[in-house]
């Protein structure tokens, strides 16, 4: 059984299906709670527009390929295709279709309870159904933390992003002023990366000093294209329906004063939340609540026969291609473990 529906999940499904392991994927439920949390089926990549850095999908018109490759119910993506390469939803639908082509079974429901103390493992879904499996791959991913502003939600993928490496080089942001929200190491890394493309990067931080390590803080403070907006927080994201983000309204944390800053994009760097709450202590987690890989360079977890892949176990790279790679690793680890157990 595979829990999740991002690049790690579908890659694991492709490999396990081709190995005749009869994978069953619980891809998540289509419910409002998942919409609000950003945990709907197909993962974080389905919330992304342009995908320029996934190997094998260069810029170009893919409409004929999409038309021939996707199921009938997914043909709406062909009409929406921008003819400039592959979008996040397109890539995820293609991965899902490829997994199904090899016989992967898919259930559109959430797993809400796991029992790893018995063999075979037993898992319970949101709808109340139970299923059993000899091996389990957890690939539920991690969701980016946002500020929770209605205006922020309105402009997601239209100037609001939580991944500079994913989106920073897009034409929308090149040679434009940008905002990075946060003050830790991740925020400094995002600002430093974006400074290669932006005309200026404004780091918005609630405090009077960065939380980043000294060496990272110095990197930001010494970068001529990075300026820190101290004692401020974003009160509103401004923009237009046609063009997306045009600015942010900043609120002073030392008073009630507000001011507007003209920018073309806002990048959130205030952490991620791994989707591990349903495990309820059944697997060992890291201090950041990511699943702990217990064997170096392997996807094994603290429970023999349970494996983890993708961002649910990776708080460092968080890229589609690395998630897919670890999905392959988890599938091979599971296949070899099952063979060794004679299952």
Protein backbone atom coordinates (compact mmCIF):
# COMPACT_ATOMS: atom_id res chain seq x y z
CA UNK A 1 0.00 0.00 0.00
CA UNK A 2 1.13 3.52 -0.81
CA UNK A 3 -0.23 6.54 1.05
CA UNK A 4 0.01 9.84 -0.82
CA UNK A 5 -0.32 11.20 -4.33
CA UNK A 6 2.69 13.34 -5.19
CA UNK A 7 5.75 12.49 -7.32
CA UNK A 8 7.08 10.10 -4.65
CA UNK A 9 3.81 8.18 -4.44
CA UNK A 10 3.24 7.76 -8.18
CA UNK A 11 6.87 6.82 -8.83
CA UNK A 12 6.66 4.18 -6.10
CA UNK A 13 3.42 2.96 -7.66
CA UNK A 14 4.98 2.69 -11.11
CA UNK A 15 7.89 0.63 -9.82
CA UNK A 16 5.87 -1.63 -7.54
CA UNK A 17 3.22 -2.21 -10.19
CA UNK A 18 5.83 -3.21 -12.76
CA UNK A 19 7.21 -5.63 -10.16
CA UNK A 20 3.75 -7.25 -9.85
CA UNK A 21 3.37 -6.17 -6.22
CA UNK A 22 -0.25 -5.07 -6.80
CA UNK A 23 0.07 -1.59 -5.25
CA UNK A 24 -2.97 0.15 -3.80
CA UNK A 25 -2.64 3.94 -3.58
CA UNK A 26 -4.71 6.02 -1.18
CA UNK A 27 -4.37 9.37 -2.92
CA UNK A 28 -6.34 11.48 -0.41
CA UNK A 29 -9.92 12.69 -0.12
CA UNK A 30 -11.47 15.55 -2.07
CA UNK A 31 -12.83 17.45 0.92
CA UNK A 32 -12.80 21.09 1.95
CA UNK A 33 -10.39 20.51 4.82
CA UNK A 34 -7.79 19.17 2.40
CA UNK A 35 -8.39 22.09 0.04
CA UNK A 36 -7.74 24.59 2.85
CA UNK A 37 -4.66 22.70 4.03
CA UNK A 38 -3.27 22.22 0.53
CA UNK A 39 -3.44 18.43 0.82
CA UNK A 40 -5.80 17.53 -2.01
CA UNK A 41 -4.91 14.59 -4.29
CA UNK A 42 -1.88 15.04 -6.60
CA UNK A 43 0.15 16.89 -4.00
CA UNK A 44 1.88 20.26 -3.90
CA UNK A 45 2.89 20.11 -7.55
CA UNK A 46 -0.76 20.30 -8.56
CA UNK A 47 -0.79 23.77 -6.94
CA UNK A 48 2.08 24.93 -9.15
CA UNK A 49 1.78 26.46 -12.60
CA UNK A 50 4.98 26.32 -14.67
CA UNK A 51 7.39 23.43 -14.10
CA UNK A 52 10.71 24.20 -15.78
CA UNK A 53 13.08 21.96 -13.81
CA UNK A 54 11.62 18.46 -14.10
CA UNK A 55 13.82 16.48 -16.52
CA UNK A 56 12.25 15.42 -19.80
CA UNK A 57 9.75 18.25 -20.17
CA UNK A 58 11.37 21.14 -22.06
CA UNK A 59 9.46 24.23 -23.10
CA UNK A 60 7.17 23.57 -26.03
CA UNK A 61 3.68 22.63 -27.14
CA UNK A 62 2.73 19.35 -25.46
CA UNK A 63 -0.95 19.46 -26.38
CA UNK A 64 -0.84 16.50 -28.79
CA UNK A 65 1.07 14.39 -26.28
CA UNK A 66 -1.33 15.31 -23.48
CA UNK A 67 -4.32 14.53 -25.67
CA UNK A 68 -3.04 11.04 -26.41
CA UNK A 69 -1.69 10.28 -22.93
CA UNK A 70 -4.41 11.47 -20.56
CA UNK A 71 -7.72 9.85 -19.74
CA UNK A 72 -10.92 11.28 -21.14
CA UNK A 73 -11.85 12.95 -17.85
CA UNK A 74 -8.49 14.75 -17.83
CA UNK A 75 -8.78 16.17 -21.35
CA UNK A 76 -9.68 19.58 -19.91
CA UNK A 77 -5.96 19.99 -19.27
CA UNK A 78 -5.34 19.98 -23.02
CA UNK A 79 -7.58 23.02 -23.47
CA UNK A 80 -5.79 24.76 -20.59
CA UNK A 81 -2.29 23.91 -21.86
CA UNK A 82 -0.15 27.04 -22.27
CA UNK A 83 2.06 25.47 -24.96
CA UNK A 84 5.19 26.49 -23.06
CA UNK A 85 6.10 23.20 -21.42
CA UNK A 86 4.53 21.16 -18.64
CA UNK A 87 2.48 22.57 -15.77
CA UNK A 88 2.28 21.05 -12.31
CA UNK A 89 -1.22 19.58 -12.73
CA UNK A 90 -0.32 18.16 -16.14
CA UNK A 91 2.79 16.46 -14.80
CA UNK A 92 0.90 14.95 -11.88
CA UNK A 93 -1.95 13.64 -14.05
CA UNK A 94 0.62 12.08 -16.38
CA UNK A 95 2.36 10.34 -13.45
CA UNK A 96 -0.96 9.09 -12.11
CA UNK A 97 -1.97 7.79 -15.54
CA UNK A 98 1.37 6.02 -15.98
CA UNK A 99 0.95 4.28 -12.63
CA UNK A 100 -2.58 3.18 -13.52
CA UNK A 101 -1.40 1.90 -16.90
CA UNK A 102 0.66 -0.73 -15.05
CA UNK A 103 -2.29 -1.81 -12.92
CA UNK A 104 -2.05 0.43 -9.86
CA UNK A 105 -5.32 0.57 -7.94
CA UNK A 106 -6.30 4.02 -6.69
CA UNK A 107 -8.71 4.97 -3.91
CA UNK A 108 -9.60 8.64 -3.44
CA UNK A 109 -9.68 8.68 0.34
CA UNK A 110 -7.52 9.65 3.31
CA UNK A 111 -5.82 7.20 5.63
CA UNK A 112 -6.63 8.40 9.15
CA UNK A 113 -5.42 5.51 11.31
CA UNK A 114 -2.64 2.94 11.03
CA UNK A 115 -1.90 -0.23 12.98
CA UNK A 116 1.72 -1.23 12.47
CA UNK A 117 1.75 -3.53 15.51
CA UNK A 118 0.02 -6.36 13.67
CA UNK A 119 0.92 -8.32 10.52
CA UNK A 120 -0.26 -7.72 7.92
CA UNK A 121 -0.51 -4.01 8.64
CA UNK A 122 -4.03 -2.62 8.91
CA UNK A 123 -5.02 0.88 7.83
CA UNK A 124 -8.32 2.69 8.24
CA UNK A 125 -9.63 5.35 5.86
CA UNK A 126 -11.71 8.46 6.45
CA UNK A 127 -14.77 6.71 5.02
CA UNK A 128 -14.38 3.93 7.61
CA UNK A 129 -13.01 1.26 5.27
CA UNK A 130 -10.05 -0.89 6.33
CA UNK A 131 -7.31 -2.41 4.21
CA UNK A 132 -4.38 -4.70 4.90
CA UNK A 133 -0.90 -4.77 3.38
CA UNK A 134 2.34 -6.65 3.92
CA UNK A 135 4.38 -3.49 3.19
CA UNK A 136 3.52 0.20 3.32
CA UNK A 137 5.12 3.22 1.68
CA UNK A 138 4.25 6.54 3.30
CA UNK A 139 4.55 9.39 0.78
CA UNK A 140 2.18 12.01 2.17
CA UNK A 141 4.51 14.95 1.61
CA UNK A 142 4.77 18.25 3.47
CA UNK A 143 2.82 21.44 3.01
CA UNK A 144 4.32 24.92 3.02
CA UNK A 145 3.33 27.22 5.84
CA UNK A 146 1.51 30.37 4.78
CA UNK A 147 0.46 33.50 6.64
CA UNK A 148 -3.24 32.74 6.29
CA UNK A 149 -4.21 35.99 4.60
CA UNK A 150 -7.19 35.87 2.20
CA UNK A 151 -5.25 38.07 -0.22
CA UNK A 152 -2.29 35.68 -0.03
CA UNK A 153 -4.51 32.77 -1.03
CA UNK A 154 -5.98 34.81 -3.88
CA UNK A 155 -2.59 35.28 -5.53
CA UNK A 156 -1.02 31.85 -5.02
CA UNK A 157 0.76 30.87 -8.24
CA UNK A 158 0.21 34.42 -9.48
CA UNK A 159 3.08 35.98 -7.62
CA UNK A 160 2.83 34.21 -4.25
CA UNK A 161 5.09 31.19 -3.90
CA UNK A 162 6.67 29.05 -1.20
CA UNK A 163 9.59 27.79 -3.29
CA UNK A 164 12.23 30.13 -4.70
CA UNK A 165 14.14 27.29 -6.37
CA UNK A 166 10.94 26.17 -8.11
CA UNK A 167 9.69 29.57 -9.27
CA UNK A 168 12.36 32.23 -8.81
CA UNK A 169 13.74 32.09 -12.37
CA UNK A 170 10.33 32.49 -14.02
CA UNK A 171 9.87 35.54 -16.27
CA UNK A 172 7.29 36.92 -13.84
CA UNK A 173 10.01 37.56 -11.28
CA UNK A 174 13.07 38.40 -13.36
CA UNK A 175 14.49 41.90 -12.84
CA UNK A 176 11.60 42.75 -10.52
CA UNK A 177 11.55 43.63 -6.80
CA UNK A 178 10.49 40.71 -4.62
CA UNK A 179 9.63 40.01 -0.99
CA UNK A 180 10.76 37.08 1.15
CA UNK A 181 8.89 36.53 4.41
CA UNK A 182 10.93 35.01 7.22
CA UNK A 183 14.13 35.42 9.17
CA UNK A 184 15.68 31.97 9.47
CA UNK A 185 18.27 30.10 7.43
CA UNK A 186 15.67 29.08 4.85
CA UNK A 187 14.59 32.69 4.35
CA UNK A 188 18.19 33.80 3.85
CA UNK A 189 18.77 30.99 1.35
CA UNK A 190 15.62 31.99 -0.54
CA UNK A 191 16.61 35.67 -0.58
CA UNK A 192 20.15 34.90 -1.69
CA UNK A 193 18.90 32.65 -4.49
CA UNK A 194 16.30 35.18 -5.65
CA UNK A 195 18.89 37.97 -5.73
CA UNK A 196 20.37 36.27 -8.81
CA UNK A 197 17.22 37.13 -10.74
CA UNK A 198 15.43 39.98 -8.93
CA UNK A 199 16.26 43.66 -9.07
CA UNK A 200 15.93 43.81 -5.26
CA UNK A 201 14.87 41.39 -2.53
CA UNK A 202 13.14 42.69 0.59
CA UNK A 203 13.26 40.34 3.57
CA UNK A 204 10.27 40.99 5.83
CA UNK A 205 10.99 40.02 9.42
CA UNK A 206 8.99 40.56 12.59
CA UNK A 207 12.01 41.07 14.81
CA UNK A 208 15.05 43.31 14.97
CA UNK A 209 17.57 40.57 14.20
CA UNK A 210 17.54 37.50 12.00
CA UNK A 211 16.99 34.06 13.49
CA UNK A 212 19.39 32.63 10.92
CA UNK A 213 22.82 31.39 11.93
CA UNK A 214 25.53 34.05 12.02
CA UNK A 215 27.15 32.99 8.77
CA UNK A 216 23.79 32.91 6.99
CA UNK A 217 22.70 36.24 8.46
CA UNK A 218 25.92 37.84 7.26
CA UNK A 219 25.25 36.50 3.79
CA UNK A 220 21.96 38.39 3.67
CA UNK A 221 23.22 41.57 5.30
CA UNK A 222 26.23 41.75 2.99
CA UNK A 223 24.27 41.13 -0.21
CA UNK A 224 23.78 44.49 -1.97
CA UNK A 225 20.56 43.24 -3.57
CA UNK A 226 18.98 42.17 -0.26
CA UNK A 227 17.49 44.60 2.23
CA UNK A 228 15.80 43.65 5.50
CA UNK A 229 12.53 45.28 6.54
CA UNK A 230 12.91 45.04 10.31
CA UNK A 231 10.00 44.86 12.75
CA UNK A 232 7.45 44.37 9.98
CA UNK A 233 4.96 41.78 8.82
CA UNK A 234 2.84 41.44 5.72
CA UNK A 235 -0.68 42.74 6.34
CA UNK A 236 -2.03 42.31 2.81
CA UNK A 237 -0.97 41.15 -0.63
CA UNK A 238 -2.02 43.55 -3.37
CA UNK A 239 -2.50 42.80 -7.03
CA UNK A 240 -4.78 42.60 -10.03
CA UNK A 241 -6.73 39.76 -11.62
CA UNK A 242 -4.85 40.26 -14.86
CA UNK A 243 -1.29 40.63 -13.63
CA UNK A 244 -1.14 39.03 -10.21
CA UNK A 245 0.90 40.49 -7.37
CA UNK A 246 1.79 44.18 -7.61
CA UNK A 247 2.78 44.88 -4.00
CA UNK A 248 2.44 44.13 -0.30
CA UNK A 249 1.16 46.22 2.59
CA UNK A 250 3.54 46.08 5.52
CA UNK A 251 2.47 46.50 9.14
CA UNK A 252 4.93 47.64 11.80
CA UNK A 253 5.24 45.29 14.79
CA UNK A 254 6.22 48.26 16.96
CA UNK A 255 3.11 50.30 16.23
CA UNK A 256 0.06 50.46 13.99
CA UNK A 257 1.69 52.16 11.02
CA UNK A 258 1.34 50.65 7.57
CA UNK A 259 3.13 51.26 4.29
CA UNK A 260 2.95 49.84 0.80
CA UNK A 261 5.86 48.23 -1.00
CA UNK A 262 5.79 47.73 -4.76
CA UNK A 263 6.91 44.20 -5.60
CA UNK A 264 6.07 41.59 -8.23
CA UNK A 265 6.22 38.55 -6.01
CA UNK A 266 6.13 37.30 -2.44
CA UNK A 267 7.98 34.17 -1.31
CA UNK A 268 7.11 32.47 1.98
CA UNK A 269 10.01 30.98 3.94
CA UNK A 270 8.38 30.27 7.29
CA UNK A 271 8.72 26.52 7.27
CA UNK A 272 6.86 23.42 6.17
CA UNK A 273 4.56 21.03 8.01
CA UNK A 274 5.03 17.34 7.18
CA UNK A 275 1.77 15.41 6.81
CA UNK A 276 2.43 12.92 9.59
CA UNK A 277 -0.32 13.64 12.13
CA UNK A 278 -2.29 10.54 11.07
CA UNK A 279 0.59 8.33 12.19
CA UNK A 280 -0.17 9.12 15.86
CA UNK A 281 3.18 7.97 17.20
CA UNK A 282 3.30 4.77 15.14
CA UNK A 283 6.58 5.74 13.44
CA UNK A 284 9.66 7.49 14.81
CA UNK A 285 9.79 11.12 13.71
CA UNK A 286 12.54 13.74 13.67
CA UNK A 287 12.33 16.79 15.95
CA UNK A 288 10.63 18.59 13.04
CA UNK A 289 8.02 15.77 12.79
CA UNK A 290 9.36 14.36 9.53
CA UNK A 291 9.56 10.58 9.28
CA UNK A 292 12.98 9.38 10.38
CA UNK A 293 14.92 7.29 7.88
CA UNK A 294 16.56 4.78 10.19
CA UNK A 295 19.03 3.25 7.71
CA UNK A 296 21.54 5.54 5.95
CA UNK A 297 20.81 5.96 2.23
CA UNK A 298 17.69 3.80 2.53
CA UNK A 299 13.99 4.59 2.97
CA UNK A 300 13.47 2.29 5.96
CA UNK A 301 11.55 3.62 8.97
CA UNK A 302 11.40 2.53 12.61
CA UNK A 303 8.89 -0.21 11.70
CA UNK A 304 10.15 -3.15 9.68
CA UNK A 305 8.22 -3.23 6.41
CA UNK A 306 7.19 0.44 6.44
CA UNK A 307 9.07 2.79 4.14
CA UNK A 308 8.92 6.57 3.60
CA UNK A 309 9.46 8.58 0.44
CA UNK A 310 9.38 12.20 -0.65
CA UNK A 311 8.96 15.36 1.36
CA UNK A 312 7.39 13.56 4.33
CA UNK A 313 10.93 12.40 5.13
CA UNK A 314 12.93 15.18 3.44
CA UNK A 315 13.14 18.62 5.05
CA UNK A 316 16.15 19.68 2.96
CA UNK A 317 15.72 19.27 -0.81
CA UNK A 318 11.91 19.30 -1.25
CA UNK A 319 11.97 19.06 -5.05
CA UNK A 320 9.75 17.04 -7.37
CA UNK A 321 12.70 15.18 -8.88
CA UNK A 322 14.18 14.23 -5.49
CA UNK A 323 10.76 13.11 -4.27
CA UNK A 324 10.34 10.95 -7.36
CA UNK A 325 13.82 9.51 -6.84
CA UNK A 326 13.08 8.54 -3.26
CA UNK A 327 9.78 7.02 -4.43
CA UNK A 328 11.80 4.72 -6.66
CA UNK A 329 14.11 3.91 -3.74
CA UNK A 330 11.17 3.09 -1.46
CA UNK A 331 9.65 0.81 -4.09
CA UNK A 332 12.91 -1.10 -4.52
CA UNK A 333 13.42 -1.28 -0.76
CA UNK A 334 9.88 -2.63 -0.32
CA UNK A 335 10.29 -5.16 -3.14
CA UNK A 336 13.54 -6.50 -1.72
CA UNK A 337 12.14 -6.58 1.81
CA UNK A 338 9.09 -8.57 0.66
CA UNK A 339 11.30 -10.97 -1.27
CA UNK A 340 13.53 -11.51 1.76
CA UNK A 341 10.45 -12.25 3.88
CA UNK A 342 9.05 -14.64 1.28
CA UNK A 343 5.90 -12.57 0.89
